[in-house]
Amino acid sequence: MRCYLDDMCFDLIEIGENVTISYGVYFACHGKNQEHHKITIQEGAYIGMRASVIARTDIEIGKHAIIGAQTLVNKTIPANRTAVGIPCRILPDKN
């Protein structure tokens, strides 16, 4: 599916049960001269096509969260919420 999992610290990427990762998603746990940080994707999350998850701190994508296509995730996304945009913004809860 042409996804990229950070090959320098793939052991810091944790993917839960029933997670959907679409085509071309990019996961980076670090940048040049930066510490390595953990990326956790919890159960039932959905990550849209060509999204990027860039961890400058530890990042968690909560249970059943939705990440829109081409979104830049640079912070934690709570459970049952939708995030879109560059950088991501969390959409208001519909309840």
PDB file of N, CA and C in Angstrom:
ATOM      1  N   MET A   1       0.821  -1.206   0.000  1.00  0.00           N
ATOM      2  CA  MET A   1       0.000   0.000   0.000  1.00  0.00           C
ATOM      3  C   MET A   1       0.861   1.265   0.000  1.00  0.00           C
ATOM      4  N   ARG A   2       2.170   1.096  -0.172  1.00  0.00           N
ATOM      5  CA  ARG A   2       3.095   2.223  -0.259  1.00  0.00           C
ATOM      6  C   ARG A   2       3.048   3.147   0.960  1.00  0.00           C
ATOM      7  N   CYS A   3       2.899   2.554   2.109  1.00  0.00           N
ATOM      8  CA  CYS A   3       2.994   3.309   3.360  1.00  0.00           C
ATOM      9  C   CYS A   3       4.447   3.311   3.807  1.00  0.00           C
ATOM     10  N   TYR A   4       4.825   4.319   4.587  1.00  0.00           N
ATOM     11  CA  TYR A   4       6.187   4.401   5.109  1.00  0.00           C
ATOM     12  C   TYR A   4       6.116   4.357   6.623  1.00  0.00           C
ATOM     13  N   LEU A   5       6.782   3.378   7.219  1.00  0.00           N
ATOM     14  CA  LEU A   5       6.935   3.292   8.674  1.00  0.00           C
ATOM     15  C   LEU A   5       8.389   3.622   8.966  1.00  0.00           C
ATOM     16  N   ASP A   6       8.614   4.591   9.815  1.00  0.00           N
ATOM     17  CA  ASP A   6       9.963   5.059  10.141  1.00  0.00           C
ATOM     18  C   ASP A   6      10.893   3.878  10.380  1.00  0.00           C
ATOM     19  N   ASP A   7      11.852   3.677   9.478  1.00  0.00           N
ATOM     20  CA  ASP A   7      12.727   2.515   9.566  1.00  0.00           C
ATOM     21  C   ASP A   7      13.813   2.632  10.621  1.00  0.00           C
ATOM     22  N   MET A   8      13.985   3.815  11.196  1.00  0.00           N
ATOM     23  CA  MET A   8      14.993   3.975  12.247  1.00  0.00           C
ATOM     24  C   MET A   8      14.441   3.654  13.627  1.00  0.00           C
ATOM     25  N   CYS A   9      13.125   3.656  13.756  1.00  0.00           N
ATOM     26  CA  CYS A   9      12.548   3.357  15.081  1.00  0.00           C
ATOM     27  C   CYS A   9      11.140   2.773  14.922  1.00  0.00           C
ATOM     28  N   PHE A  10      10.986   1.817  14.020  1.00  0.00           N
ATOM     29  CA  PHE A  10       9.694   1.184  13.795  1.00  0.00           C
ATOM     30  C   PHE A  10       9.137   0.540  15.064  1.00  0.00           C
ATOM     31  N   ASP A  11      10.010   0.221  16.007  1.00  0.00           N
ATOM     32  CA  ASP A  11       9.571  -0.384  17.269  1.00  0.00           C
ATOM     33  C   ASP A  11       8.808   0.609  18.144  1.00  0.00           C
ATOM     34  N   LEU A  12       8.808   1.905  17.794  1.00  0.00           N
ATOM     35  CA  LEU A  12       8.058   2.917  18.539  1.00  0.00           C
ATOM     36  C   LEU A  12       6.670   3.151  17.949  1.00  0.00           C
ATOM     37  N   ILE A  13       6.316   2.407  16.906  1.00  0.00           N
ATOM     38  CA  ILE A  13       5.000   2.542  16.287  1.00  0.00           C
ATOM     39  C   ILE A  13       4.153   1.360  16.721  1.00  0.00           C
ATOM     40  N   GLU A  14       3.034   1.655  17.392  1.00  0.00           N
ATOM     41  CA  GLU A  14       2.144   0.624  17.915  1.00  0.00           C
ATOM     42  C   GLU A  14       0.795   0.761  17.222  1.00  0.00           C
ATOM     43  N   ILE A  15       0.312  -0.296  16.593  1.00  0.00           N
ATOM     44  CA  ILE A  15      -0.951  -0.264  15.857  1.00  0.00           C
ATOM     45  C   ILE A  15      -1.909  -1.265  16.486  1.00  0.00           C
ATOM     46  N   GLY A  16      -3.077  -0.765  16.917  1.00  0.00           N
ATOM     47  CA  GLY A  16      -4.068  -1.600  17.589  1.00  0.00           C
ATOM     48  C   GLY A  16      -4.880  -2.461  16.634  1.00  0.00           C
ATOM     49  N   GLU A  17      -5.850  -3.159  17.173  1.00  0.00           N
ATOM     50  CA  GLU A  17      -6.730  -4.050  16.413  1.00  0.00           C
ATOM     51  C   GLU A  17      -7.685  -3.244  15.531  1.00  0.00           C
ATOM     52  N   ASN A  18      -8.031  -3.806  14.383  1.00  0.00           N
ATOM     53  CA  ASN A  18      -9.041  -3.245  13.476  1.00  0.00           C
ATOM     54  C   ASN A  18      -8.775  -1.808  13.055  1.00  0.00           C
ATOM     55  N   VAL A  19      -7.517  -1.457  12.890  1.00  0.00           N
ATOM     56  CA  VAL A  19      -7.126  -0.128  12.409  1.00  0.00           C
ATOM     57  C   VAL A  19      -7.078  -0.177  10.883  1.00  0.00           C
ATOM     58  N   THR A  20      -7.593   0.869  10.232  1.00  0.00           N
ATOM     59  CA  THR A  20      -7.508   0.973   8.779  1.00  0.00           C
ATOM     60  C   THR A  20      -6.498   2.054   8.434  1.00  0.00           C
ATOM     61  N   ILE A  21      -5.480   1.672   7.675  1.00  0.00           N
ATOM     62  CA  ILE A  21      -4.465   2.613   7.210  1.00  0.00           C
ATOM     63  C   ILE A  21      -4.539   2.617   5.687  1.00  0.00           C
ATOM     64  N   SER A  22      -4.936   3.745   5.131  1.00  0.00           N
ATOM     65  CA  SER A  22      -5.136   3.844   3.688  1.00  0.00           C
ATOM     66  C   SER A  22      -3.818   3.982   2.943  1.00  0.00           C
ATOM     67  N   TYR A  23      -3.911   4.053   1.647  1.00  0.00           N
ATOM     68  CA  TYR A  23      -2.786   4.127   0.716  1.00  0.00           C
ATOM     69  C   TYR A  23      -1.877   5.328   0.992  1.00  0.00           C
ATOM     70  N   GLY A  24      -0.570   5.090   1.017  1.00  0.00           N
ATOM     71  CA  GLY A  24       0.415   6.164   1.048  1.00  0.00           C
ATOM     72  C   GLY A  24       0.565   6.922   2.355  1.00  0.00           C
ATOM     73  N   VAL A  25       0.175   6.338   3.473  1.00  0.00           N
ATOM     74  CA  VAL A  25       0.310   7.025   4.771  1.00  0.00           C
ATOM     75  C   VAL A  25       1.772   6.977   5.216  1.00  0.00           C
ATOM     76  N   TYR A  26       2.236   8.059   5.821  1.00  0.00           N
ATOM     77  CA  TYR A  26       3.634   8.248   6.214  1.00  0.00           C
ATOM     78  C   TYR A  26       3.713   8.400   7.731  1.00  0.00           C
ATOM     79  N   PHE A  27       4.548   7.597   8.380  1.00  0.00           N
ATOM     80  CA  PHE A  27       4.748   7.669   9.833  1.00  0.00           C
ATOM     81  C   PHE A  27       6.215   7.988  10.114  1.00  0.00           C
ATOM     82  N   ALA A  28       6.483   9.080  10.803  1.00  0.00           N
ATOM     83  CA  ALA A  28       7.857   9.437  11.171  1.00  0.00           C
ATOM     84  C   ALA A  28       7.918   9.689  12.673  1.00  0.00           C
ATOM     85  N   CYS A  29       8.821   8.990  13.345  1.00  0.00           N
ATOM     86  CA  CYS A  29       8.981   9.106  14.801  1.00  0.00           C
ATOM     87  C   CYS A  29      10.011  10.163  15.191  1.00  0.00           C
ATOM     88  N   HIS A  30      10.669  10.763  14.198  1.00  0.00           N
ATOM     89  CA  HIS A  30      11.712  11.739  14.506  1.00  0.00           C
ATOM     90  C   HIS A  30      12.003  12.581  13.258  1.00  0.00           C
ATOM     91  N   GLY A  31      12.754  13.612  13.476  1.00  0.00           N
ATOM     92  CA  GLY A  31      13.273  14.429  12.379  1.00  0.00           C
ATOM     93  C   GLY A  31      14.764  14.612  12.605  1.00  0.00           C
ATOM     94  N   LYS A  32      15.407  15.364  11.746  1.00  0.00           N
ATOM     95  CA  LYS A  32      16.849  15.570  11.858  1.00  0.00           C
ATOM     96  C   LYS A  32      17.190  16.201  13.212  1.00  0.00           C
ATOM     97  N   ASN A  33      18.149  15.597  13.914  1.00  0.00           N
ATOM     98  CA  ASN A  33      18.615  16.068  15.220  1.00  0.00           C
ATOM     99  C   ASN A  33      17.503  16.150  16.263  1.00  0.00           C
ATOM    100  N   GLN A  34      16.498  15.291  16.159  1.00  0.00           N
ATOM    101  CA  GLN A  34      15.404  15.251  17.132  1.00  0.00           C
ATOM    102  C   GLN A  34      15.389  13.900  17.829  1.00  0.00           C
ATOM    103  N   GLU A  35      14.812  13.897  19.021  1.00  0.00           N
ATOM    104  CA  GLU A  35      14.623  12.639  19.745  1.00  0.00           C
ATOM    105  C   GLU A  35      13.600  11.775  19.011  1.00  0.00           C
ATOM    106  N   HIS A  36      13.595  10.486  19.316  1.00  0.00           N
ATOM    107  CA  HIS A  36      12.611   9.578  18.746  1.00  0.00           C
ATOM    108  C   HIS A  36      11.410   9.520  19.677  1.00  0.00           C
ATOM    109  N   HIS A  37      10.202   9.557  19.108  1.00  0.00           N
ATOM    110  CA  HIS A  37       8.971   9.580  19.898  1.00  0.00           C
ATOM    111  C   HIS A  37       8.031   8.472  19.454  1.00  0.00           C
ATOM    112  N   LYS A  38       7.167   8.079  20.362  1.00  0.00           N
ATOM    113  CA  LYS A  38       6.253   6.967  20.141  1.00  0.00           C
ATOM    114  C   LYS A  38       5.002   7.432  19.385  1.00  0.00           C
ATOM    115  N   ILE A  39       4.532   6.589  18.466  1.00  0.00           N
ATOM    116  CA  ILE A  39       3.251   6.795  17.785  1.00  0.00           C
ATOM    117  C   ILE A  39       2.377   5.596  18.139  1.00  0.00           C
ATOM    118  N   THR A  40       1.212   5.860  18.728  1.00  0.00           N
ATOM    119  CA  THR A  40       0.277   4.811  19.115  1.00  0.00           C
ATOM    120  C   THR A  40      -1.036   5.043  18.383  1.00  0.00           C
ATOM    121  N   ILE A  41      -1.511   4.023  17.696  1.00  0.00           N
ATOM    122  CA  ILE A  41      -2.794   4.095  16.998  1.00  0.00           C
ATOM    123  C   ILE A  41      -3.706   3.068  17.655  1.00  0.00           C
ATOM    124  N   GLN A  42      -4.753   3.557  18.292  1.00  0.00           N
ATOM    125  CA  GLN A  42      -5.607   2.664  19.063  1.00  0.00           C
ATOM    126  C   GLN A  42      -6.678   1.996  18.199  1.00  0.00           C
ATOM    127  N   GLU A  43      -7.300   1.014  18.796  1.00  0.00           N
ATOM    128  CA  GLU A  43      -8.303   0.152  18.168  1.00  0.00           C
ATOM    129  C   GLU A  43      -9.335   0.928  17.340  1.00  0.00           C
ATOM    130  N   GLY A  44      -9.583   0.434  16.129  1.00  0.00           N
ATOM    131  CA  GLY A  44     -10.662   0.945  15.300  1.00  0.00           C
ATOM    132  C   GLY A  44     -10.418   2.292  14.641  1.00  0.00           C
ATOM    133  N   ALA A  45      -9.226   2.847  14.763  1.00  0.00           N
ATOM    134  CA  ALA A  45      -8.946   4.148  14.144  1.00  0.00           C
ATOM    135  C   ALA A  45      -8.885   3.993  12.622  1.00  0.00           C
ATOM    136  N   TYR A  46      -9.143   5.095  11.927  1.00  0.00           N
ATOM    137  CA  TYR A  46      -9.087   5.123  10.467  1.00  0.00           C
ATOM    138  C   TYR A  46      -8.159   6.260  10.053  1.00  0.00           C
ATOM    139  N   ILE A  47      -7.186   5.956   9.203  1.00  0.00           N
ATOM    140  CA  ILE A  47      -6.249   6.976   8.727  1.00  0.00           C
ATOM    141  C   ILE A  47      -6.385   7.053   7.211  1.00  0.00           C
ATOM    142  N   GLY A  48      -6.803   8.225   6.725  1.00  0.00           N
ATOM    143  CA  GLY A  48      -7.092   8.426   5.316  1.00  0.00           C
ATOM    144  C   GLY A  48      -5.857   8.477   4.435  1.00  0.00           C
ATOM    145  N   MET A  49      -6.099   8.393   3.135  1.00  0.00           N
ATOM    146  CA  MET A  49      -5.060   8.332   2.124  1.00  0.00           C
ATOM    147  C   MET A  49      -4.073   9.489   2.224  1.00  0.00           C
ATOM    148  N   ARG A  50      -2.786   9.148   2.126  1.00  0.00           N
ATOM    149  CA  ARG A  50      -1.672  10.094   2.099  1.00  0.00           C
ATOM    150  C   ARG A  50      -1.586  11.019   3.318  1.00  0.00           C
ATOM    151  N   ALA A  51      -2.148  10.598   4.437  1.00  0.00           N
ATOM    152  CA  ALA A  51      -1.968  11.343   5.684  1.00  0.00           C
ATOM    153  C   ALA A  51      -0.527  11.169   6.152  1.00  0.00           C
ATOM    154  N   SER A  52      -0.044  12.120   6.948  1.00  0.00           N
ATOM    155  CA  SER A  52       1.299  12.036   7.530  1.00  0.00           C
ATOM    156  C   SER A  52       1.183  12.181   9.039  1.00  0.00           C
ATOM    157  N   VAL A  53       1.823  11.276   9.758  1.00  0.00           N
ATOM    158  CA  VAL A  53       1.868  11.335  11.217  1.00  0.00           C
ATOM    159  C   VAL A  53       3.325  11.604  11.583  1.00  0.00           C
ATOM    160  N   ILE A  54       3.593  12.820  12.040  1.00  0.00           N
ATOM    161  CA  ILE A  54       4.955  13.268  12.324  1.00  0.00           C
ATOM    162  C   ILE A  54       5.054  13.552  13.822  1.00  0.00           C
ATOM    163  N   ALA A  55       5.853  12.762  14.532  1.00  0.00           N
ATOM    164  CA  ALA A  55       5.912  12.837  15.995  1.00  0.00           C
ATOM    165  C   ALA A  55       7.099  13.666  16.469  1.00  0.00           C
ATOM    166  N   ARG A  56       6.824  14.901  16.891  1.00  0.00           N
ATOM    167  CA  ARG A  56       7.851  15.709  17.561  1.00  0.00           C
ATOM    168  C   ARG A  56       7.752  15.521  19.077  1.00  0.00           C
ATOM    169  N   THR A  57       6.618  14.969  19.511  1.00  0.00           N
ATOM    170  CA  THR A  57       6.384  14.485  20.880  1.00  0.00           C
ATOM    171  C   THR A  57       5.643  13.161  20.700  1.00  0.00           C
ATOM    172  N   ASP A  58       5.414  12.424  21.786  1.00  0.00           N
ATOM    173  CA  ASP A  58       4.621  11.199  21.666  1.00  0.00           C
ATOM    174  C   ASP A  58       3.234  11.563  21.138  1.00  0.00           C
ATOM    175  N   ILE A  59       2.719  10.764  20.206  1.00  0.00           N
ATOM    176  CA  ILE A  59       1.409  10.999  19.606  1.00  0.00           C
ATOM    177  C   ILE A  59       0.560   9.753  19.780  1.00  0.00           C
ATOM    178  N   GLU A  60      -0.721   9.980  20.106  1.00  0.00           N
ATOM    179  CA  GLU A  60      -1.674   8.888  20.209  1.00  0.00           C
ATOM    180  C   GLU A  60      -2.896   9.245  19.367  1.00  0.00           C
ATOM    181  N   ILE A  61      -3.309   8.315  18.532  1.00  0.00           N
ATOM    182  CA  ILE A  61      -4.562   8.457  17.791  1.00  0.00           C
ATOM    183  C   ILE A  61      -5.543   7.551  18.499  1.00  0.00           C
ATOM    184  N   GLY A  62      -6.585   8.147  19.093  1.00  0.00           N
ATOM    185  CA  GLY A  62      -7.497   7.434  19.977  1.00  0.00           C
ATOM    186  C   GLY A  62      -8.399   6.434  19.283  1.00  0.00           C
ATOM    187  N   LYS A  63      -9.084   5.631  20.100  1.00  0.00           N
ATOM    188  CA  LYS A  63     -10.001   4.610  19.595  1.00  0.00           C
ATOM    189  C   LYS A  63     -11.042   5.244  18.689  1.00  0.00           C
ATOM    190  N   HIS A  64     -11.220   4.631  17.523  1.00  0.00           N
ATOM    191  CA  HIS A  64     -12.247   5.016  16.550  1.00  0.00           C
ATOM    192  C   HIS A  64     -12.109   6.459  16.053  1.00  0.00           C
ATOM    193  N   ALA A  65     -10.934   7.040  16.201  1.00  0.00           N
ATOM    194  CA  ALA A  65     -10.685   8.371  15.641  1.00  0.00           C
ATOM    195  C   ALA A  65     -10.587   8.254  14.119  1.00  0.00           C
ATOM    196  N   ILE A  66     -10.895   9.344  13.433  1.00  0.00           N
ATOM    197  CA  ILE A  66     -10.820   9.388  11.973  1.00  0.00           C
ATOM    198  C   ILE A  66      -9.841  10.486  11.585  1.00  0.00           C
ATOM    199  N   ILE A  67      -8.879  10.128  10.754  1.00  0.00           N
ATOM    200  CA  ILE A  67      -7.906  11.088  10.223  1.00  0.00           C
ATOM    201  C   ILE A  67      -8.216  11.247   8.739  1.00  0.00           C
ATOM    202  N   GLY A  68      -8.526  12.466   8.314  1.00  0.00           N
ATOM    203  CA  GLY A  68      -8.879  12.718   6.922  1.00  0.00           C
ATOM    204  C   GLY A  68      -7.702  12.534   5.978  1.00  0.00           C
ATOM    205  N   ALA A  69      -8.020  12.362   4.689  1.00  0.00           N
ATOM    206  CA  ALA A  69      -6.992  12.209   3.665  1.00  0.00           C
ATOM    207  C   ALA A  69      -6.084  13.436   3.643  1.00  0.00           C
ATOM    208  N   GLN A  70      -4.804  13.229   3.477  1.00  0.00           N
ATOM    209  CA  GLN A  70      -3.757  14.235   3.376  1.00  0.00           C
ATOM    210  C   GLN A  70      -3.622  15.123   4.624  1.00  0.00           C
ATOM    211  N   THR A  71      -4.101  14.652   5.748  1.00  0.00           N
ATOM    212  CA  THR A  71      -3.970  15.390   7.002  1.00  0.00           C
ATOM    213  C   THR A  71      -2.558  15.241   7.566  1.00  0.00           C
ATOM    214  N   LEU A  72      -2.042  16.304   8.165  1.00  0.00           N
ATOM    215  CA  LEU A  72      -0.760  16.268   8.868  1.00  0.00           C
ATOM    216  C   LEU A  72      -1.053  16.173  10.363  1.00  0.00           C
ATOM    217  N   VAL A  73      -0.841  14.993  10.927  1.00  0.00           N
ATOM    218  CA  VAL A  73      -1.080  14.770  12.361  1.00  0.00           C
ATOM    219  C   VAL A  73       0.213  15.075  13.104  1.00  0.00           C
ATOM    220  N   ASN A  74       0.175  16.120  13.931  1.00  0.00           N
ATOM    221  CA  ASN A  74       1.362  16.512  14.700  1.00  0.00           C
ATOM    222  C   ASN A  74       1.048  16.631  16.185  1.00  0.00           C
ATOM    223  N   LYS A  75      -0.093  16.074  16.597  1.00  0.00           N
ATOM    224  CA  LYS A  75      -0.484  16.078  18.010  1.00  0.00           C
ATOM    225  C   LYS A  75      -1.435  14.918  18.264  1.00  0.00           C
ATOM    226  N   THR A  76      -1.734  14.654  19.505  1.00  0.00           N
ATOM    227  CA  THR A  76      -2.634  13.570  19.890  1.00  0.00           C
ATOM    228  C   THR A  76      -4.061  13.883  19.452  1.00  0.00           C
ATOM    229  N   ILE A  77      -4.748  12.866  18.957  1.00  0.00           N
ATOM    230  CA  ILE A  77      -6.146  12.976  18.540  1.00  0.00           C
ATOM    231  C   ILE A  77      -6.983  12.130  19.505  1.00  0.00           C
ATOM    232  N   PRO A  78      -7.967  12.748  20.178  1.00  0.00           N
ATOM    233  CA  PRO A  78      -8.772  11.996  21.142  1.00  0.00           C
ATOM    234  C   PRO A  78      -9.628  10.913  20.479  1.00  0.00           C
ATOM    235  N   ALA A  79     -10.089   9.983  21.277  1.00  0.00           N
ATOM    236  CA  ALA A  79     -10.966   8.914  20.805  1.00  0.00           C
ATOM    237  C   ALA A  79     -12.246   9.502  20.213  1.00  0.00           C
ATOM    238  N   ASN A  80     -12.769   8.830  19.199  1.00  0.00           N
ATOM    239  CA  ASN A  80     -14.049   9.168  18.573  1.00  0.00           C
ATOM    240  C   ASN A  80     -14.113  10.568  17.981  1.00  0.00           C
ATOM    241  N   ARG A  81     -12.992  11.131  17.609  1.00  0.00           N
ATOM    242  CA  ARG A  81     -12.964  12.474  17.010  1.00  0.00           C
ATOM    243  C   ARG A  81     -12.400  12.391  15.607  1.00  0.00           C
ATOM    244  N   THR A  82     -12.653  13.431  14.828  1.00  0.00           N
ATOM    245  CA  THR A  82     -12.174  13.512  13.454  1.00  0.00           C
ATOM    246  C   THR A  82     -11.188  14.669  13.354  1.00  0.00           C
ATOM    247  N   ALA A  83     -10.061  14.426  12.690  1.00  0.00           N
ATOM    248  CA  ALA A  83      -9.044  15.454  12.485  1.00  0.00           C
ATOM    249  C   ALA A  83      -8.789  15.604  10.984  1.00  0.00           C
ATOM    250  N   VAL A  84      -8.666  16.860  10.536  1.00  0.00           N
ATOM    251  CA  VAL A  84      -8.407  17.141   9.121  1.00  0.00           C
ATOM    252  C   VAL A  84      -7.481  18.339   9.011  1.00  0.00           C
ATOM    253  N   GLY A  85      -6.832  18.475   7.863  1.00  0.00           N
ATOM    254  CA  GLY A  85      -6.073  19.681   7.559  1.00  0.00           C
ATOM    255  C   GLY A  85      -4.581  19.562   7.763  1.00  0.00           C
ATOM    256  N   ILE A  86      -3.899  20.681   7.391  1.00  0.00           N
ATOM    257  CA  ILE A  86      -2.443  20.785   7.490  1.00  0.00           C
ATOM    258  C   ILE A  86      -2.104  22.096   8.190  1.00  0.00           C
ATOM    259  N   PRO A  87      -1.638  22.071   9.433  1.00  0.00           N
ATOM    260  CA  PRO A  87      -1.632  20.924  10.344  1.00  0.00           C
ATOM    261  C   PRO A  87      -3.057  20.573  10.757  1.00  0.00           C
ATOM    262  N   CYS A  88      -3.220  19.432  11.387  1.00  0.00           N
ATOM    263  CA  CYS A  88      -4.568  18.953  11.710  1.00  0.00           C
ATOM    264  C   CYS A  88      -5.274  19.855  12.700  1.00  0.00           C
ATOM    265  N   ARG A  89      -6.566  19.891  12.529  1.00  0.00           N
ATOM    266  CA  ARG A  89      -7.440  20.502  13.532  1.00  0.00           C
ATOM    267  C   ARG A  89      -8.523  19.474  13.826  1.00  0.00           C
ATOM    268  N   ILE A  90      -8.949  19.436  15.058  1.00  0.00           N
ATOM    269  CA  ILE A  90      -9.943  18.468  15.496  1.00  0.00           C
ATOM    270  C   ILE A  90     -11.310  19.107  15.294  1.00  0.00           C
ATOM    271  N   LEU A  91     -12.160  18.414  14.533  1.00  0.00           N
ATOM    272  CA  LEU A  91     -13.491  18.953  14.257  1.00  0.00           C
ATOM    273  C   LEU A  91     -14.350  18.895  15.506  1.00  0.00           C
ATOM    274  N   PRO A  92     -15.306  19.829  15.628  1.00  0.00           N
ATOM    275  CA  PRO A  92     -16.190  19.811  16.792  1.00  0.00           C
ATOM    276  C   PRO A  92     -16.979  18.498  16.870  1.00  0.00           C
ATOM    277  N   ASP A  93     -17.238  18.076  18.083  1.00  0.00           N
ATOM    278  CA  ASP A  93     -18.024  16.868  18.327  1.00  0.00           C
ATOM    279  C   ASP A  93     -19.468  17.136  17.904  1.00  0.00           C
ATOM    280  N   LYS A  94     -20.086  16.176  17.215  1.00  0.00           N
ATOM    281  CA  LYS A  94     -21.459  16.365  16.737  1.00  0.00           C
ATOM    282  C   LYS A  94     -22.509  16.199  17.824  1.00  0.00           C
ATOM    283  N   ASN A  95     -22.115  15.715  19.003  1.00  0.00           N
ATOM    284  CA  ASN A  95     -23.094  15.483  20.085  1.00  0.00           C
ATOM    285  C   ASN A  95     -23.449  16.747  20.778  1.00  0.00           C
TER     286      ASN A  95
END
